Amino acid sequence: MTAARADAGLQQASPAAGEDVSVPLTEVVLTFGDDLLTIEGATSGVIEVRDPMGMLVSDGEVVVEGPVMRTGVAPVANGEYTAAWQTVGADGHTVSDEYTFRYLAGEEDAQAAQSSTLPDDRSSERLRPDGSDDFPLWVIVLLALVALAVVGLVIVVVRRARRSRADGDATGPE
C-alpha cells in the first residue's frame, strides 16, 4: 500500500473504535482522508451498525459529503456494537473495515432515540445504500461475479477452439 492510499482510509469515527457511549446515539459518522465517490448524487458507501445480538440498528440511508459518510442509528440495548463499512474513494479504490464500540446509555434513552430515528417495522431489515429494500447489495455483487465468471469461461472456450482449428490447419491433409 502506498502512502497516498493509506491516507485515503478512515481517519476518524464517531463514535470511535473502543469508545464507551453514555448518551443517546442517533448517528455514526466516518471521516476519510480523501473525498468519497458519488455519482449523480448516489453514494458508493454502506454503513451497517449491529447490536450485541447481531440485529441491524442503522437506518440504511448513507449520506456522503466529501470525505464524510454518515448514517442514522437507533441502538436499543446496552452492550458492544459493531460498525462495518465499505465505500469507494474518488480514486476508485474500495475501502472497508469494521470496529466496535460500547453503548451504555440505558434502555429508556435508547428507546427514545430509536423512536425518533427508525420506524419500528424496518429496524432489523437489510436495506440497500439508497434506502430501498429491493435487492441486498451482496446479491448484486454475487450476480456480477457470476457474470464475470461466465464471460471468462466463454473466452477460454473460444480461444481453445481457435487454437484447435489453427493446429488442425497447420498439419493439414497429407
C-alpha atoms as a PDB file:
ATOM      1  CA  MET A   1       0.000   0.000   0.000  1.00  0.00           C
ATOM      2  CA  THR A   2       1.396   3.389  -0.948  1.00  0.00           C
ATOM      3  CA  ALA A   3       1.398   6.342   1.410  1.00  0.00           C
ATOM      4  CA  ALA A   4      -1.246   8.046  -0.720  1.00  0.00           C
ATOM      5  CA  ARG A   5      -3.596   5.027  -0.456  1.00  0.00           C
ATOM      6  CA  ALA A   6      -3.058   4.756   3.292  1.00  0.00           C
ATOM      7  CA  ASP A   7      -4.129   8.407   3.701  1.00  0.00           C
ATOM      8  CA  ALA A   8      -7.413   7.705   1.841  1.00  0.00           C
ATOM      9  CA  GLY A   9      -8.549   5.331   4.618  1.00  0.00           C
ATOM     10  CA  LEU A  10     -10.638   6.022   7.687  1.00  0.00           C
ATOM     11  CA  GLN A  11      -9.196   8.954   9.654  1.00  0.00           C
ATOM     12  CA  GLN A  12     -11.857   9.479  12.335  1.00  0.00           C
ATOM     13  CA  ALA A  13     -15.050   7.819  13.553  1.00  0.00           C
ATOM     14  CA  SER A  14     -17.836   8.961  15.853  1.00  0.00           C
ATOM     15  CA  PRO A  15     -18.330   7.037  17.981  1.00  0.00           C
ATOM     16  CA  ALA A  16     -14.675   5.997  17.900  1.00  0.00           C
ATOM     17  CA  ALA A  17     -13.399   2.425  17.995  1.00  0.00           C
ATOM     18  CA  GLY A  18     -13.469   1.165  21.561  1.00  0.00           C
ATOM     19  CA  GLU A  19     -15.391   4.205  22.819  1.00  0.00           C
ATOM     20  CA  ASP A  20     -17.953   3.918  25.622  1.00  0.00           C
ATOM     21  CA  VAL A  21     -21.052   5.898  24.558  1.00  0.00           C
ATOM     22  CA  SER A  22     -23.140   7.009  27.542  1.00  0.00           C
ATOM     23  CA  VAL A  23     -25.512   9.445  25.787  1.00  0.00           C
ATOM     24  CA  PRO A  24     -28.300   8.656  23.298  1.00  0.00           C
ATOM     25  CA  LEU A  25     -26.782   7.893  19.897  1.00  0.00           C
ATOM     26  CA  THR A  26     -28.540   8.906  16.671  1.00  0.00           C
ATOM     27  CA  GLU A  27     -25.822   8.610  14.020  1.00  0.00           C
ATOM     28  CA  VAL A  28     -22.442   7.121  13.118  1.00  0.00           C
ATOM     29  CA  VAL A  29     -20.074   9.479  11.282  1.00  0.00           C
ATOM     30  CA  LEU A  30     -16.942   8.286   9.445  1.00  0.00           C
ATOM     31  CA  THR A  31     -14.333  10.709   8.099  1.00  0.00           C
ATOM     32  CA  PHE A  32     -11.825   9.579   5.464  1.00  0.00           C
ATOM     33  CA  GLY A  33      -8.551  11.067   4.233  1.00  0.00           C
ATOM     34  CA  ASP A  34      -9.942  11.750   0.759  1.00  0.00           C
ATOM     35  CA  ASP A  35     -13.280  12.516  -0.888  1.00  0.00           C
ATOM     36  CA  LEU A  36     -15.615   9.564  -1.423  1.00  0.00           C
ATOM     37  CA  LEU A  37     -17.186   8.647  -4.752  1.00  0.00           C
ATOM     38  CA  THR A  38     -20.683   9.882  -5.547  1.00  0.00           C
ATOM     39  CA  ILE A  39     -22.309   9.512  -8.941  1.00  0.00           C
ATOM     40  CA  GLU A  40     -25.193  11.871  -9.715  1.00  0.00           C
ATOM     41  CA  GLY A  41     -25.935  12.197  -6.008  1.00  0.00           C
ATOM     42  CA  ALA A  42     -25.913   8.440  -5.308  1.00  0.00           C
ATOM     43  CA  THR A  43     -23.457   7.299  -2.668  1.00  0.00           C
ATOM     44  CA  SER A  44     -20.976   4.492  -3.051  1.00  0.00           C
ATOM     45  CA  GLY A  45     -20.941   3.604   0.619  1.00  0.00           C
ATOM     46  CA  VAL A  46     -22.601   1.313   3.101  1.00  0.00           C
ATOM     47  CA  ILE A  47     -22.527   1.546   6.886  1.00  0.00           C
ATOM     48  CA  GLU A  48     -24.095  -1.226   8.935  1.00  0.00           C
ATOM     49  CA  VAL A  49     -24.303  -0.956  12.702  1.00  0.00           C
ATOM     50  CA  ARG A  50     -25.331  -4.104  14.579  1.00  0.00           C
ATOM     51  CA  ASP A  51     -26.292  -4.540  18.207  1.00  0.00           C
ATOM     52  CA  PRO A  52     -24.897  -7.214  20.578  1.00  0.00           C
ATOM     53  CA  MET A  53     -27.431  -9.735  19.185  1.00  0.00           C
ATOM     54  CA  GLY A  54     -26.454  -9.008  15.564  1.00  0.00           C
ATOM     55  CA  MET A  55     -29.598  -7.043  14.701  1.00  0.00           C
ATOM     56  CA  LEU A  56     -29.243  -4.106  12.316  1.00  0.00           C
ATOM     57  CA  VAL A  57     -29.752  -0.771  14.085  1.00  0.00           C
ATOM     58  CA  SER A  58     -28.619   1.561  11.271  1.00  0.00           C
ATOM     59  CA  ASP A  59     -31.306   3.035   9.041  1.00  0.00           C
ATOM     60  CA  GLY A  60     -29.690   2.121   5.692  1.00  0.00           C
ATOM     61  CA  GLU A  61     -29.586   5.723   4.491  1.00  0.00           C
ATOM     62  CA  VAL A  62     -25.958   6.704   3.960  1.00  0.00           C
ATOM     63  CA  VAL A  63     -25.136  10.346   3.276  1.00  0.00           C
ATOM     64  CA  VAL A  64     -21.769  11.237   1.713  1.00  0.00           C
ATOM     65  CA  GLU A  65     -20.396  14.766   1.781  1.00  0.00           C
ATOM     66  CA  GLY A  66     -16.804  14.982   0.505  1.00  0.00           C
ATOM     67  CA  PRO A  67     -14.709  12.769   2.807  1.00  0.00           C
ATOM     68  CA  VAL A  68     -17.534  12.261   5.362  1.00  0.00           C
ATOM     69  CA  MET A  69     -20.005   9.354   5.368  1.00  0.00           C
ATOM     70  CA  ARG A  70     -22.841   9.098   7.927  1.00  0.00           C
ATOM     71  CA  THR A  71     -25.910   7.021   8.741  1.00  0.00           C
ATOM     72  CA  GLY A  72     -28.675   7.204  11.322  1.00  0.00           C
ATOM     73  CA  VAL A  73     -28.734   4.628  14.107  1.00  0.00           C
ATOM     74  CA  ALA A  74     -31.126   3.651  16.880  1.00  0.00           C
ATOM     75  CA  PRO A  75     -29.425   1.420  19.448  1.00  0.00           C
ATOM     76  CA  VAL A  76     -31.844  -0.246  21.853  1.00  0.00           C
ATOM     77  CA  ALA A  77     -29.810  -2.278  24.337  1.00  0.00           C
ATOM     78  CA  ASN A  78     -26.617  -1.622  26.226  1.00  0.00           C
ATOM     79  CA  GLY A  79     -23.623  -3.626  25.023  1.00  0.00           C
ATOM     80  CA  GLU A  80     -20.982  -3.913  22.310  1.00  0.00           C
ATOM     81  CA  TYR A  81     -21.992  -2.689  18.841  1.00  0.00           C
ATOM     82  CA  THR A  82     -20.205  -3.348  15.561  1.00  0.00           C
ATOM     83  CA  ALA A  83     -19.943  -0.673  12.864  1.00  0.00           C
ATOM     84  CA  ALA A  84     -18.985  -2.180   9.483  1.00  0.00           C
ATOM     85  CA  TRP A  85     -18.464  -0.011   6.431  1.00  0.00           C
ATOM     86  CA  GLN A  86     -17.481  -0.145   2.795  1.00  0.00           C
ATOM     87  CA  THR A  87     -17.054   2.700   0.359  1.00  0.00           C
ATOM     88  CA  VAL A  88     -15.263   3.738  -2.819  1.00  0.00           C
ATOM     89  CA  GLY A  89     -12.854   6.635  -2.779  1.00  0.00           C
ATOM     90  CA  ALA A  90     -12.947   9.260  -5.514  1.00  0.00           C
ATOM     91  CA  ASP A  91      -9.876   7.488  -6.957  1.00  0.00           C
ATOM     92  CA  GLY A  92     -11.947   4.309  -7.476  1.00  0.00           C
ATOM     93  CA  HIS A  93     -10.373   2.168  -4.737  1.00  0.00           C
ATOM     94  CA  THR A  94     -12.689   0.263  -2.409  1.00  0.00           C
ATOM     95  CA  VAL A  95     -12.004   0.524   1.310  1.00  0.00           C
ATOM     96  CA  SER A  96     -13.798  -1.365   4.063  1.00  0.00           C
ATOM     97  CA  ASP A  97     -13.381  -2.317   7.692  1.00  0.00           C
ATOM     98  CA  GLU A  98     -15.264  -2.624  10.941  1.00  0.00           C
ATOM     99  CA  TYR A  99     -14.830  -1.645  14.558  1.00  0.00           C
ATOM    100  CA  THR A 100     -16.692  -1.941  17.831  1.00  0.00           C
ATOM    101  CA  PHE A 101     -17.876   0.496  20.471  1.00  0.00           C
ATOM    102  CA  ARG A 102     -19.887   0.038  23.658  1.00  0.00           C
ATOM    103  CA  TYR A 103     -23.305   1.629  24.102  1.00  0.00           C
ATOM    104  CA  LEU A 104     -24.130   2.383  27.747  1.00  0.00           C
ATOM    105  CA  ALA A 105     -26.914   4.980  27.509  1.00  0.00           C
ATOM    106  CA  GLY A 106     -29.535   2.814  29.186  1.00  0.00           C
ATOM    107  CA  GLU A 107     -32.672   1.170  27.860  1.00  0.00           C
ATOM    108  CA  GLU A 108     -35.023   4.188  28.214  1.00  0.00           C
ATOM    109  CA  ASP A 109     -32.705   6.649  26.444  1.00  0.00           C
ATOM    110  CA  ALA A 110     -32.028   4.128  23.685  1.00  0.00           C
ATOM    111  CA  GLN A 111     -35.749   3.524  23.072  1.00  0.00           C
ATOM    112  CA  ALA A 112     -36.395   7.267  22.848  1.00  0.00           C
ATOM    113  CA  ALA A 113     -33.596   7.628  20.287  1.00  0.00           C
ATOM    114  CA  GLN A 114     -34.961   4.693  18.288  1.00  0.00           C
ATOM    115  CA  SER A 115     -38.473   6.104  18.049  1.00  0.00           C
ATOM    116  CA  SER A 116     -37.095   9.335  16.564  1.00  0.00           C
ATOM    117  CA  THR A 117     -34.737   7.646  14.067  1.00  0.00           C
ATOM    118  CA  LEU A 118     -36.203   4.382  12.756  1.00  0.00           C
ATOM    119  CA  PRO A 119     -39.709   3.187  12.029  1.00  0.00           C
ATOM    120  CA  ASP A 120     -40.309   0.092  14.190  1.00  0.00           C
ATOM    121  CA  ASP A 121     -41.226  -2.125  11.239  1.00  0.00           C
ATOM    122  CA  ARG A 122     -37.892  -1.534   9.428  1.00  0.00           C
ATOM    123  CA  SER A 123     -35.384  -1.585  12.293  1.00  0.00           C
ATOM    124  CA  SER A 124     -33.943  -5.020  11.506  1.00  0.00           C
ATOM    125  CA  GLU A 125     -34.206  -5.109   7.701  1.00  0.00           C
ATOM    126  CA  ARG A 126     -31.186  -5.245   5.416  1.00  0.00           C
ATOM    127  CA  LEU A 127     -31.501  -2.166   3.212  1.00  0.00           C
ATOM    128  CA  ARG A 128     -29.626  -1.047   0.124  1.00  0.00           C
ATOM    129  CA  PRO A 129     -27.420   2.049   0.490  1.00  0.00           C
ATOM    130  CA  ASP A 130     -30.091   4.195  -1.220  1.00  0.00           C
ATOM    131  CA  GLY A 131     -32.661   3.163   1.411  1.00  0.00           C
ATOM    132  CA  SER A 132     -34.742   0.905  -0.831  1.00  0.00           C
ATOM    133  CA  ASP A 133     -35.374  -2.673   0.151  1.00  0.00           C
ATOM    134  CA  ASP A 134     -35.312  -4.417  -3.263  1.00  0.00           C
ATOM    135  CA  PHE A 135     -32.125  -6.466  -3.673  1.00  0.00           C
ATOM    136  CA  PRO A 136     -29.469  -6.520  -0.967  1.00  0.00           C
ATOM    137  CA  LEU A 137     -26.076  -5.289  -2.118  1.00  0.00           C
ATOM    138  CA  TRP A 138     -24.500  -8.739  -1.681  1.00  0.00           C
ATOM    139  CA  VAL A 139     -26.951 -10.213  -4.232  1.00  0.00           C
ATOM    140  CA  ILE A 140     -25.912  -7.640  -6.828  1.00  0.00           C
ATOM    141  CA  VAL A 141     -22.203  -8.286  -6.155  1.00  0.00           C
ATOM    142  CA  LEU A 142     -22.747 -12.063  -6.397  1.00  0.00           C
ATOM    143  CA  LEU A 143     -24.590 -11.731  -9.715  1.00  0.00           C
ATOM    144  CA  ALA A 144     -21.787  -9.540 -11.086  1.00  0.00           C
ATOM    145  CA  LEU A 145     -19.169 -12.132 -10.081  1.00  0.00           C
ATOM    146  CA  VAL A 146     -21.165 -14.936 -11.721  1.00  0.00           C
ATOM    147  CA  ALA A 147     -21.481 -12.873 -14.909  1.00  0.00           C
ATOM    148  CA  LEU A 148     -17.715 -12.265 -14.942  1.00  0.00           C
ATOM    149  CA  ALA A 149     -17.058 -15.991 -14.472  1.00  0.00           C
ATOM    150  CA  VAL A 150     -19.346 -16.836 -17.409  1.00  0.00           C
ATOM    151  CA  VAL A 151     -17.613 -14.279 -19.639  1.00  0.00           C
ATOM    152  CA  GLY A 152     -14.213 -15.689 -18.641  1.00  0.00           C
ATOM    153  CA  LEU A 153     -15.355 -19.230 -19.422  1.00  0.00           C
ATOM    154  CA  VAL A 154     -16.636 -18.195 -22.857  1.00  0.00           C
ATOM    155  CA  ILE A 155     -13.304 -16.528 -23.645  1.00  0.00           C
ATOM    156  CA  VAL A 156     -11.359 -19.663 -22.661  1.00  0.00           C
ATOM    157  CA  VAL A 157     -13.614 -21.928 -24.766  1.00  0.00           C
ATOM    158  CA  VAL A 158     -13.388 -19.660 -27.832  1.00  0.00           C
ATOM    159  CA  ARG A 159      -9.588 -19.420 -27.591  1.00  0.00           C
ATOM    160  CA  ARG A 160      -9.215 -23.199 -27.297  1.00  0.00           C
ATOM    161  CA  ALA A 161     -11.497 -23.728 -30.294  1.00  0.00           C
ATOM    162  CA  ARG A 162      -9.465 -21.281 -32.388  1.00  0.00           C
ATOM    163  CA  ARG A 163      -6.205 -22.904 -31.263  1.00  0.00           C
ATOM    164  CA  SER A 164      -7.526 -26.362 -32.189  1.00  0.00           C
ATOM    165  CA  ARG A 165      -8.541 -25.136 -35.639  1.00  0.00           C
ATOM    166  CA  ALA A 166      -5.180 -23.439 -36.125  1.00  0.00           C
ATOM    167  CA  ASP A 167      -3.346 -26.634 -35.121  1.00  0.00           C
ATOM    168  CA  GLY A 168      -5.530 -28.658 -37.497  1.00  0.00           C
ATOM    169  CA  ASP A 169      -4.856 -26.258 -40.390  1.00  0.00           C
ATOM    170  CA  ALA A 170      -1.101 -26.335 -39.736  1.00  0.00           C
ATOM    171  CA  THR A 171      -0.866 -30.121 -40.082  1.00  0.00           C
ATOM    172  CA  GLY A 172      -3.356 -30.198 -42.976  1.00  0.00           C
ATOM    173  CA  PRO A 173      -4.247 -33.273 -45.039  1.00  0.00           C
ATOM    174  CA  GLU A 174      -1.312 -35.345 -46.204  1.00  0.00           C
END
